[in-house]
C-alpha atoms as a PDB file:
ATOM      1  CA  MET A   1      98.400  95.851 120.318  1.00  0.00           C
ATOM      2  CA  PRO A   2     100.212  97.794 117.689  1.00  0.00           C
ATOM      3  CA  ARG A   3     102.918  96.086 115.749  1.00  0.00           C
ATOM      4  CA  GLN A   4     106.595  97.007 115.868  1.00  0.00           C
ATOM      5  CA  SER A   5     107.842  99.081 112.903  1.00  0.00           C
ATOM      6  CA  ILE A   6     109.409  96.926 110.142  1.00  0.00           C
ATOM      7  CA  PRO A   7     112.802  97.747 108.629  1.00  0.00           C
ATOM      8  CA  GLY A   8     112.948 100.186 105.834  1.00  0.00           C
ATOM      9  CA  PRO A   9     114.799  99.355 102.606  1.00  0.00           C
ATOM     10  CA  LYS A  10     118.330 100.761 102.119  1.00  0.00           C
ATOM     11  CA  VAL A  11     117.324 102.526  98.859  1.00  0.00           C
ATOM     12  CA  LEU A  12     113.979 104.104  98.202  1.00  0.00           C
ATOM     13  CA  LEU A  13     112.818 105.738  95.030  1.00  0.00           C
ATOM     14  CA  VAL A  14     109.849 107.958  95.792  1.00  0.00           C
ATOM     15  CA  THR A  15     107.859 109.172  92.865  1.00  0.00           C
ATOM     16  CA  GLY A  16     104.333 109.842  91.866  1.00  0.00           C
ATOM     17  CA  MET A  17     101.795 112.466  90.892  1.00  0.00           C
ATOM     18  CA  SER A  18     102.641 116.144  91.679  1.00  0.00           C
ATOM     19  CA  GLY A  19     100.658 117.159  94.601  1.00  0.00           C
ATOM     20  CA  ALA A  20     100.262 113.677  96.018  1.00  0.00           C
ATOM     21  CA  GLY A  21     102.596 114.371  98.911  1.00  0.00           C
ATOM     22  CA  ARG A  22     106.143 113.532  97.550  1.00  0.00           C
ATOM     23  CA  SER A  23     107.869 116.485  99.431  1.00  0.00           C
ATOM     24  CA  THR A  24     106.112 115.628 102.616  1.00  0.00           C
ATOM     25  CA  ALA A  25     107.142 112.046 102.149  1.00  0.00           C
ATOM     26  CA  GLY A  26     110.788 113.161 101.556  1.00  0.00           C
ATOM     27  CA  LYS A  27     110.754 115.197 104.889  1.00  0.00           C
ATOM     28  CA  VAL A  28     109.410 112.232 106.840  1.00  0.00           C
ATOM     29  CA  LEU A  29     112.057 109.920 105.373  1.00  0.00           C
ATOM     30  CA  GLU A  30     114.683 112.433 106.368  1.00  0.00           C
ATOM     31  CA  ASP A  31     113.382 112.611 109.943  1.00  0.00           C
ATOM     32  CA  ILE A  32     113.504 108.932 110.290  1.00  0.00           C
ATOM     33  CA  GLY A  33     117.145 108.555 109.205  1.00  0.00           C
ATOM     34  CA  TYR A  34     117.378 108.476 105.337  1.00  0.00           C
ATOM     35  CA  VAL A  35     119.716 110.514 103.299  1.00  0.00           C
ATOM     36  CA  VAL A  36     117.235 112.322 101.100  1.00  0.00           C
ATOM     37  CA  ILE A  37     118.142 113.752  97.665  1.00  0.00           C
ATOM     38  CA  ASP A  38     115.554 115.619  95.695  1.00  0.00           C
ATOM     39  CA  ASN A  39     115.106 115.103  91.883  1.00  0.00           C
ATOM     40  CA  LEU A  40     118.370 113.220  91.326  1.00  0.00           C
ATOM     41  CA  PRO A  41     118.622 111.826  87.775  1.00  0.00           C
ATOM     42  CA  LEU A  42     118.025 108.126  87.960  1.00  0.00           C
ATOM     43  CA  SER A  43     121.302 107.379  86.121  1.00  0.00           C
ATOM     44  CA  LEU A  44     123.181 108.874  89.094  1.00  0.00           C
ATOM     45  CA  ILE A  45     121.459 107.032  91.884  1.00  0.00           C
ATOM     46  CA  ASP A  46     124.026 104.171  91.845  1.00  0.00           C
ATOM     47  CA  ASP A  47     126.981 106.468  92.025  1.00  0.00           C
ATOM     48  CA  VAL A  48     125.369 108.265  94.944  1.00  0.00           C
ATOM     49  CA  ALA A  49     124.623 105.024  96.738  1.00  0.00           C
ATOM     50  CA  HIS A  50     128.318 104.001  96.212  1.00  0.00           C
ATOM     51  CA  LEU A  51     129.415 107.459  97.506  1.00  0.00           C
ATOM     52  CA  HIS A  52     127.396 107.114 100.720  1.00  0.00           C
ATOM     53  CA  ASP A  53     128.578 103.451 101.206  1.00  0.00           C
ATOM     54  CA  VAL A  54     125.024 102.248 101.185  1.00  0.00           C
ATOM     55  CA  GLU A  55     126.042  98.747 100.190  1.00  0.00           C
ATOM     56  CA  GLU A  56     128.202  98.112 103.237  1.00  0.00           C
ATOM     57  CA  GLY A  57     127.455 100.906 105.575  1.00  0.00           C
ATOM     58  CA  ASP A  58     124.487 101.801 107.685  1.00  0.00           C
ATOM     59  CA  THR A  59     123.240 104.657 105.417  1.00  0.00           C
ATOM     60  CA  ARG A  60     119.820 104.523 103.867  1.00  0.00           C
ATOM     61  CA  LEU A  61     119.205 106.544 100.789  1.00  0.00           C
ATOM     62  CA  ALA A  62     115.892 107.994  99.486  1.00  0.00           C
ATOM     63  CA  VAL A  63     115.617 109.790  96.241  1.00  0.00           C
ATOM     64  CA  THR A  64     112.549 111.717  95.203  1.00  0.00           C
ATOM     65  CA  VAL A  65     111.913 111.942  91.551  1.00  0.00           C
ATOM     66  CA  ASP A  66     109.223 113.676  89.565  1.00  0.00           C
ATOM     67  CA  VAL A  67     108.219 113.875  85.973  1.00  0.00           C
ATOM     68  CA  ARG A  68     110.607 116.785  85.307  1.00  0.00           C
ATOM     69  CA  THR A  69     113.589 114.523  85.845  1.00  0.00           C
ATOM     70  CA  GLY A  70     112.495 112.373  82.787  1.00  0.00           C
ATOM     71  CA  ILE A  71     111.537 109.371  84.760  1.00  0.00           C
ATOM     72  CA  ASP A  72     110.157 106.556  82.602  1.00  0.00           C
ATOM     73  CA  SER A  73     109.727 102.863  82.965  1.00  0.00           C
ATOM     74  CA  GLY A  74     112.740 101.804  80.874  1.00  0.00           C
ATOM     75  CA  VAL A  75     115.226 104.096  82.728  1.00  0.00           C
ATOM     76  CA  LEU A  76     113.645 102.938  85.951  1.00  0.00           C
ATOM     77  CA  ARG A  77     114.006  99.154  85.114  1.00  0.00           C
ATOM     78  CA  ALA A  78     117.688  99.776  84.188  1.00  0.00           C
ATOM     79  CA  THR A  79     118.302 101.594  87.441  1.00  0.00           C
ATOM     80  CA  LEU A  80     116.731  98.966  89.645  1.00  0.00           C
ATOM     81  CA  HIS A  81     118.728  96.244  87.686  1.00  0.00           C
ATOM     82  CA  THR A  82     121.960  98.063  88.407  1.00  0.00           C
ATOM     83  CA  LEU A  83     121.233  98.535  92.103  1.00  0.00           C
ATOM     84  CA  ARG A  84     120.194  94.880  92.491  1.00  0.00           C
ATOM     85  CA  GLY A  85     123.481  93.878  90.802  1.00  0.00           C
ATOM     86  CA  HIS A  86     125.394  95.634  93.523  1.00  0.00           C
ATOM     87  CA  GLY A  87     123.522  93.850  96.227  1.00  0.00           C
ATOM     88  CA  LEU A  88     121.035  96.341  97.080  1.00  0.00           C
ATOM     89  CA  THR A  89     117.272  95.774  97.226  1.00  0.00           C
ATOM     90  CA  PRO A  90     115.556  99.037  96.094  1.00  0.00           C
ATOM     91  CA  MET A  91     111.998  99.847  96.608  1.00  0.00           C
ATOM     92  CA  VAL A  92     109.837 102.150  94.379  1.00  0.00           C
ATOM     93  CA  VAL A  93     107.196 104.114  96.167  1.00  0.00           C
ATOM     94  CA  PHE A  94     104.504 105.730  94.057  1.00  0.00           C
ATOM     95  CA  LEU A  95     102.264 108.496  95.709  1.00  0.00           C
ATOM     96  CA  ASP A  96      98.994 109.008  94.054  1.00  0.00           C
ATOM     97  CA  ALA A  97      95.597 110.811  94.599  1.00  0.00           C
ATOM     98  CA  ASP A  98      92.425 111.330  92.669  1.00  0.00           C
ATOM     99  CA  ASP A  99      92.706 113.930  89.826  1.00  0.00           C
ATOM    100  CA  GLY A 100      90.097 116.122  91.358  1.00  0.00           C
ATOM    101  CA  VAL A 101      91.909 116.205  94.743  1.00  0.00           C
ATOM    102  CA  LEU A 102      95.280 116.948  93.063  1.00  0.00           C
ATOM    103  CA  ALA A 103      93.580 119.889  91.094  1.00  0.00           C
ATOM    104  CA  THR A 104      92.086 121.215  94.350  1.00  0.00           C
ATOM    105  CA  ARG A 105      95.438 121.114  96.159  1.00  0.00           C
ATOM    106  CA  TYR A 106      97.077 123.153  93.435  1.00  0.00           C
ATOM    107  CA  ASP A 107      94.154 125.671  93.652  1.00  0.00           C
ATOM    108  CA  GLU A 108      94.653 125.953  97.282  1.00  0.00           C
ATOM    109  CA  VAL A 109      98.406 126.612  97.163  1.00  0.00           C
ATOM    110  CA  ARG A 110      98.226 128.731  94.035  1.00  0.00           C
ATOM    111  CA  ARG A 111     101.354 127.096  92.587  1.00  0.00           C
ATOM    112  CA  PRO A 112     101.826 126.158  88.872  1.00  0.00           C
ATOM    113  CA  HIS A 113     101.884 122.459  87.941  1.00  0.00           C
ATOM    114  CA  PRO A 114     105.565 121.379  87.152  1.00  0.00           C
ATOM    115  CA  LEU A 115     104.494 120.507  83.672  1.00  0.00           C
ATOM    116  CA  GLY A 116     103.149 123.987  82.990  1.00  0.00           C
ATOM    117  CA  GLY A 117     101.156 125.023  80.054  1.00  0.00           C
ATOM    118  CA  GLY A 118      97.350 124.738  79.663  1.00  0.00           C
ATOM    119  CA  THR A 119      95.165 124.136  82.747  1.00  0.00           C
ATOM    120  CA  VAL A 120      95.950 122.422  85.862  1.00  0.00           C
ATOM    121  CA  SER A 121      93.732 119.595  84.857  1.00  0.00           C
ATOM    122  CA  GLU A 122      95.350 119.135  81.468  1.00  0.00           C
ATOM    123  CA  ALA A 123      98.767 119.077  83.151  1.00  0.00           C
ATOM    124  CA  ILE A 124      97.579 116.362  85.605  1.00  0.00           C
ATOM    125  CA  GLU A 125      96.241 114.306  82.801  1.00  0.00           C
ATOM    126  CA  ALA A 126      99.411 114.601  80.874  1.00  0.00           C
ATOM    127  CA  GLU A 127     101.484 113.613  83.913  1.00  0.00           C
ATOM    128  CA  ARG A 128      99.346 110.595  84.616  1.00  0.00           C
ATOM    129  CA  ARG A 129      99.815 109.327  81.093  1.00  0.00           C
ATOM    130  CA  ALA A 130     103.525 109.742  81.387  1.00  0.00           C
ATOM    131  CA  LEU A 131     103.779 107.887  84.645  1.00  0.00           C
ATOM    132  CA  THR A 132     101.248 105.030  83.982  1.00  0.00           C
ATOM    133  CA  GLU A 133     104.031 102.405  83.482  1.00  0.00           C
ATOM    134  CA  VAL A 134     106.144 103.779  86.336  1.00  0.00           C
ATOM    135  CA  ARG A 135     103.085 103.452  88.700  1.00  0.00           C
ATOM    136  CA  GLU A 136     102.567  99.856  87.471  1.00  0.00           C
ATOM    137  CA  ALA A 137     106.230  99.035  88.296  1.00  0.00           C
ATOM    138  CA  ALA A 138     106.104 100.397  91.846  1.00  0.00           C
ATOM    139  CA  ASP A 139     106.432  98.146  94.833  1.00  0.00           C
ATOM    140  CA  VAL A 140     104.268 100.331  96.966  1.00  0.00           C
ATOM    141  CA  VAL A 141     101.398 102.650  95.924  1.00  0.00           C
ATOM    142  CA  ILE A 142     100.198 105.084  98.569  1.00  0.00           C
ATOM    143  CA  ASP A 143      96.890 106.771  97.720  1.00  0.00           C
ATOM    144  CA  THR A 144      96.722 110.145  99.693  1.00  0.00           C
ATOM    145  CA  THR A 145      93.291 111.161  98.399  1.00  0.00           C
ATOM    146  CA  GLU A 146      91.840 111.168 101.858  1.00  0.00           C
ATOM    147  CA  TYR A 147      95.126 111.789 103.747  1.00  0.00           C
ATOM    148  CA  THR A 148      96.053 114.797 105.793  1.00  0.00           C
ATOM    149  CA  VAL A 149      99.717 115.730 106.107  1.00  0.00           C
ATOM    150  CA  HIS A 150      99.724 114.052 109.477  1.00  0.00           C
ATOM    151  CA  ASP A 151      98.115 110.808 108.006  1.00  0.00           C
ATOM    152  CA  LEU A 152     100.891 110.680 105.369  1.00  0.00           C
ATOM    153  CA  ARG A 153     103.498 111.163 108.084  1.00  0.00           C
ATOM    154  CA  LYS A 154     102.108 108.342 110.128  1.00  0.00           C
ATOM    155  CA  ARG A 155     101.911 106.011 107.097  1.00  0.00           C
ATOM    156  CA  MET A 156     105.477 106.728 106.012  1.00  0.00           C
ATOM    157  CA  GLU A 157     106.807 106.241 109.572  1.00  0.00           C
ATOM    158  CA  ALA A 158     104.822 102.964 109.983  1.00  0.00           C
ATOM    159  CA  GLU A 159     106.078 101.544 106.678  1.00  0.00           C
ATOM    160  CA  PHE A 160     109.797 102.747 106.628  1.00  0.00           C
ATOM    161  CA  SER A 161     111.049 103.355 110.157  1.00  0.00           C
ATOM    162  CA  ARG A 162     114.118 101.284 111.056  1.00  0.00           C
ATOM    163  CA  ALA A 163     113.734  98.079 113.084  1.00  0.00           C
ATOM    164  CA  ALA A 164     116.499  95.933 114.462  1.00  0.00           C
ATOM    165  CA  GLU A 165     115.919  92.742 112.598  1.00  0.00           C
ATOM    166  CA  PRO A 166     116.238  92.859 108.782  1.00  0.00           C
ATOM    167  CA  ARG A 167     113.587  90.910 106.804  1.00  0.00           C
ATOM    168  CA  ARG A 168     112.713  90.727 103.159  1.00  0.00           C
ATOM    169  CA  LEU A 169     109.028  90.579 102.427  1.00  0.00           C
ATOM    170  CA  ARG A 170     107.093  93.304 104.330  1.00  0.00           C
ATOM    171  CA  VAL A 171     103.321  92.948 104.949  1.00  0.00           C
ATOM    172  CA  SER A 172     101.118  96.027 105.755  1.00  0.00           C
ATOM    173  CA  ILE A 173      97.698  95.379 107.099  1.00  0.00           C
ATOM    174  CA  ARG A 174      95.160  98.180 107.181  1.00  0.00           C
ATOM    175  CA  SER A 175      91.634  98.066 108.737  1.00  0.00           C
ATOM    176  CA  PHE A 176      89.052 100.444 107.263  1.00  0.00           C
ATOM    177  CA  GLY A 177      85.312 101.095 107.162  1.00  0.00           C
ATOM    178  CA  PHE A 178      83.502 100.665 103.799  1.00  0.00           C
ATOM    179  CA  LYS A 179      81.241 103.582 104.577  1.00  0.00           C
ATOM    180  CA  HIS A 180      84.272 105.780 104.425  1.00  0.00           C
ATOM    181  CA  GLY A 181      85.428 104.310 101.115  1.00  0.00           C
ATOM    182  CA  HIS A 182      87.729 101.426 100.416  1.00  0.00           C
ATOM    183  CA  PRO A 183      91.475 101.951 100.128  1.00  0.00           C
ATOM    184  CA  HIS A 184      92.813 101.967  96.493  1.00  0.00           C
ATOM    185  CA  ASP A 185      96.424 101.106  97.264  1.00  0.00           C
ATOM    186  CA  VAL A 186      96.190  97.610  98.754  1.00  0.00           C
ATOM    187  CA  ASP A 187      96.981  94.382  96.947  1.00  0.00           C
ATOM    188  CA  MET A 188      94.314  92.233  98.597  1.00  0.00           C
ATOM    189  CA  LEU A 189      91.131  93.203 100.284  1.00  0.00           C
ATOM    190  CA  PHE A 190      89.061  91.068 102.737  1.00  0.00           C
ATOM    191  CA  ASP A 191      85.393  92.086 103.587  1.00  0.00           C
ATOM    192  CA  VAL A 192      84.383  90.942 107.067  1.00  0.00           C
ATOM    193  CA  ARG A 193      80.993  92.476 107.180  1.00  0.00           C
ATOM    194  CA  PHE A 194      79.516  88.932 107.149  1.00  0.00           C
ATOM    195  CA  LEU A 195      80.401  88.676 110.948  1.00  0.00           C
ATOM    196  CA  PRO A 196      78.096  89.975 113.705  1.00  0.00           C
ATOM    197  CA  ASN A 197      78.595  93.577 114.471  1.00  0.00           C
ATOM    198  CA  PRO A 198      79.502  94.736 117.983  1.00  0.00           C
ATOM    199  CA  HIS A 199      78.199  98.105 117.132  1.00  0.00           C
ATOM    200  CA  TRP A 200      74.635  96.825 118.092  1.00  0.00           C
ATOM    201  CA  ASP A 201      75.618  95.963 121.528  1.00  0.00           C
ATOM    202  CA  PRO A 202      75.320  99.185 123.586  1.00  0.00           C
ATOM    203  CA  ALA A 203      78.088  98.022 125.933  1.00  0.00           C
ATOM    204  CA  LEU A 204      80.465  97.402 123.139  1.00  0.00           C
ATOM    205  CA  ARG A 205      79.538 100.299 120.776  1.00  0.00           C
ATOM    206  CA  PRO A 206      81.833 102.924 122.419  1.00  0.00           C
ATOM    207  CA  LEU A 207      84.790 100.535 122.397  1.00  0.00           C
ATOM    208  CA  SER A 208      87.042  99.450 119.595  1.00  0.00           C
ATOM    209  CA  GLY A 209      88.560  96.248 118.216  1.00  0.00           C
ATOM    210  CA  LEU A 210      91.620  96.977 120.273  1.00  0.00           C
ATOM    211  CA  ASP A 211      89.609  96.485 123.479  1.00  0.00           C
ATOM    212  CA  ALA A 212      89.387  93.074 125.011  1.00  0.00           C
ATOM    213  CA  PRO A 213      85.500  92.731 125.171  1.00  0.00           C
ATOM    214  CA  VAL A 214      85.153  93.607 121.424  1.00  0.00           C
ATOM    215  CA  ARG A 215      88.142  91.375 120.601  1.00  0.00           C
ATOM    216  CA  GLU A 216      86.463  88.412 122.478  1.00  0.00           C
ATOM    217  CA  PHE A 217      83.082  89.094 120.828  1.00  0.00           C
ATOM    218  CA  VAL A 218      84.667  88.990 117.416  1.00  0.00           C
ATOM    219  CA  LEU A 219      87.052  86.185 117.901  1.00  0.00           C
ATOM    220  CA  SER A 220      84.787  83.901 119.715  1.00  0.00           C
ATOM    221  CA  ASN A 221      82.491  83.403 116.689  1.00  0.00           C
ATOM    222  CA  PRO A 222      83.125  80.109 114.932  1.00  0.00           C
ATOM    223  CA  ASP A 223      82.834  81.892 111.600  1.00  0.00           C
ATOM    224  CA  THR A 224      85.641  84.185 112.577  1.00  0.00           C
ATOM    225  CA  ILE A 225      88.013  81.423 113.436  1.00  0.00           C
ATOM    226  CA  ALA A 226      87.121  79.600 110.062  1.00  0.00           C
ATOM    227  CA  PHE A 227      87.838  82.780 108.282  1.00  0.00           C
ATOM    228  CA  LEU A 228      91.132  83.472 109.940  1.00  0.00           C
ATOM    229  CA  ASP A 229      92.254  79.916 109.410  1.00  0.00           C
ATOM    230  CA  ARG A 230      91.678  80.278 105.585  1.00  0.00           C
ATOM    231  CA  VAL A 231      93.237  83.641 105.307  1.00  0.00           C
ATOM    232  CA  GLU A 232      96.303  82.343 107.172  1.00  0.00           C
ATOM    233  CA  ASP A 233      96.390  79.284 104.924  1.00  0.00           C
ATOM    234  CA  LEU A 234      96.083  81.487 101.791  1.00  0.00           C
ATOM    235  CA  LEU A 235      98.859  83.848 102.938  1.00  0.00           C
ATOM    236  CA  GLY A 236     100.996  81.008 104.061  1.00  0.00           C
ATOM    237  CA  PHE A 237     100.842  79.717 100.562  1.00  0.00           C
ATOM    238  CA  LEU A 238     101.281  83.108  98.828  1.00  0.00           C
ATOM    239  CA  LEU A 239     104.041  84.909 100.806  1.00  0.00           C
ATOM    240  CA  PRO A 240     106.926  82.521 100.015  1.00  0.00           C
ATOM    241  CA  ARG A 241     105.945  82.487  96.427  1.00  0.00           C
ATOM    242  CA  TYR A 242     105.842  86.240  96.264  1.00  0.00           C
ATOM    243  CA  GLU A 243     109.233  86.445  97.983  1.00  0.00           C
ATOM    244  CA  ALA A 244     110.736  83.938  95.555  1.00  0.00           C
ATOM    245  CA  GLU A 245     109.537  86.257  92.710  1.00  0.00           C
ATOM    246  CA  GLY A 246     111.403  89.212  94.348  1.00  0.00           C
ATOM    247  CA  LYS A 247     108.277  91.069  95.763  1.00  0.00           C
ATOM    248  CA  THR A 248     109.245  92.997  98.851  1.00  0.00           C
ATOM    249  CA  TYR A 249     105.978  94.315  99.843  1.00  0.00           C
ATOM    250  CA  LEU A 250     102.291  93.172 100.238  1.00  0.00           C
ATOM    251  CA  SER A 251      99.567  95.318 101.395  1.00  0.00           C
ATOM    252  CA  LEU A 252      96.225  93.894 102.817  1.00  0.00           C
ATOM    253  CA  GLY A 253      92.940  95.743 103.426  1.00  0.00           C
ATOM    254  CA  ILE A 254      90.470  94.328 105.919  1.00  0.00           C
ATOM    255  CA  GLY A 255      87.142  96.196 106.000  1.00  0.00           C
ATOM    256  CA  CYS A 256      83.994  96.196 107.966  1.00  0.00           C
ATOM    257  CA  THR A 257      81.113  98.784 108.049  1.00  0.00           C
ATOM    258  CA  GLY A 258      82.688 101.641 109.996  1.00  0.00           C
ATOM    259  CA  GLY A 259      86.250 100.467 110.556  1.00  0.00           C
ATOM    260  CA  ARG A 260      86.139 100.507 114.289  1.00  0.00           C
ATOM    261  CA  HIS A 261      85.191  96.957 115.656  1.00  0.00           C
ATOM    262  CA  ARG A 262      85.501  93.842 113.454  1.00  0.00           C
ATOM    263  CA  SER A 263      88.019  94.989 110.936  1.00  0.00           C
ATOM    264  CA  VAL A 264      90.324  96.294 113.705  1.00  0.00           C
ATOM    265  CA  ALA A 265      90.076  93.037 115.722  1.00  0.00           C
ATOM    266  CA  ILE A 266      90.626  90.899 112.735  1.00  0.00           C
ATOM    267  CA  ALA A 267      93.502  92.992 111.342  1.00  0.00           C
ATOM    268  CA  GLU A 268      95.295  92.631 114.658  1.00  0.00           C
ATOM    269  CA  GLU A 269      94.711  88.985 114.737  1.00  0.00           C
ATOM    270  CA  VAL A 270      95.985  88.367 111.164  1.00  0.00           C
ATOM    271  CA  GLY A 271      98.922  90.503 112.014  1.00  0.00           C
ATOM    272  CA  ARG A 272      99.518  88.444 115.166  1.00  0.00           C
ATOM    273  CA  ARG A 273      99.428  85.182 113.279  1.00  0.00           C
ATOM    274  CA  LEU A 274     101.590  86.288 110.403  1.00  0.00           C
ATOM    275  CA  GLY A 275     104.161  87.801 112.850  1.00  0.00           C
ATOM    276  CA  ASP A 276     104.239  84.566 114.854  1.00  0.00           C
ATOM    277  CA  GLY A 277     104.983  82.818 111.580  1.00  0.00           C
ATOM    278  CA  GLY A 278     108.073  85.062 110.950  1.00  0.00           C
ATOM    279  CA  ALA A 279     106.665  87.663 108.557  1.00  0.00           C
ATOM    280  CA  ALA A 280     107.567  91.372 109.019  1.00  0.00           C
ATOM    281  CA  VAL A 281     104.179  92.891 109.714  1.00  0.00           C
ATOM    282  CA  SER A 282     102.715  96.406 110.387  1.00  0.00           C
ATOM    283  CA  VAL A 283      99.142  97.129 111.296  1.00  0.00           C
ATOM    284  CA  GLN A 284      97.347 100.364 110.942  1.00  0.00           C
ATOM    285  CA  HIS A 285      93.764 101.323 111.503  1.00  0.00           C
ATOM    286  CA  ARG A 286      92.698 103.969 109.035  1.00  0.00           C
ATOM    287  CA  ASP A 287      89.241 104.776 110.446  1.00  0.00           C
ATOM    288  CA  LEU A 288      89.602 103.930 114.141  1.00  0.00           C
ATOM    289  CA  GLY A 289      89.407 107.619 115.141  1.00  0.00           C
ATOM    290  CA  ARG A 290      86.268 108.497 113.220  1.00  0.00           C
END
């Protein structure tokens, strides 16, 4: 069963490559309750957070920043240090996509790249160089290469919608199919193609890992239980240490061949186990509808 949405941070800094979906992300965040400000200089974020009483009140603030604002890793680190000093836990979200996809998106909308000058490909290359260290400093990297606008909306809503109980470290689990390409924006990736495939059972083929017969088929295998126990032990060791180091977000990818049976059932089970252990978990299934 789908996991409940986990609480969004009170201050979000949304940046990334132009054309990767930053404007869409901003609109979604506004829809789910954030005060969204576009292209605010980083040096002013702390003042704006204080103006909106983010520290003590119920307001959540999201600032979208692109390369035109002069974002760099040094200014970003200073801004995050200031916000943390005021008791806030900001999160940096970096939206990315393959260079070829970004170029195609600009060709489709016939808009100039914000850096201007030269070709679109040259501008994308220059922007990527300028944002390399910012991307490395991000808490969450969302690769929208294969996303539609609707896919990005679902991802943002799943990650940042408000929930009743505040938690610190957030864990996002995503099932996928290797034949559709592996996700590029996960911290850890598990391959479960070593398990027997329900696809070869005609009765199970039209079902998914969300259906009880497939779930029973996958989870009744002793190798599945051994795998799940080891993953749970590994994450039980890692999560408190990540949290102690100030990490606020961990993304896991679980892949099988098509992303419909084994990876879905196991992603749900990993999410259940982590949730029962007190972690804030969201589970998404990238290729379930294919």
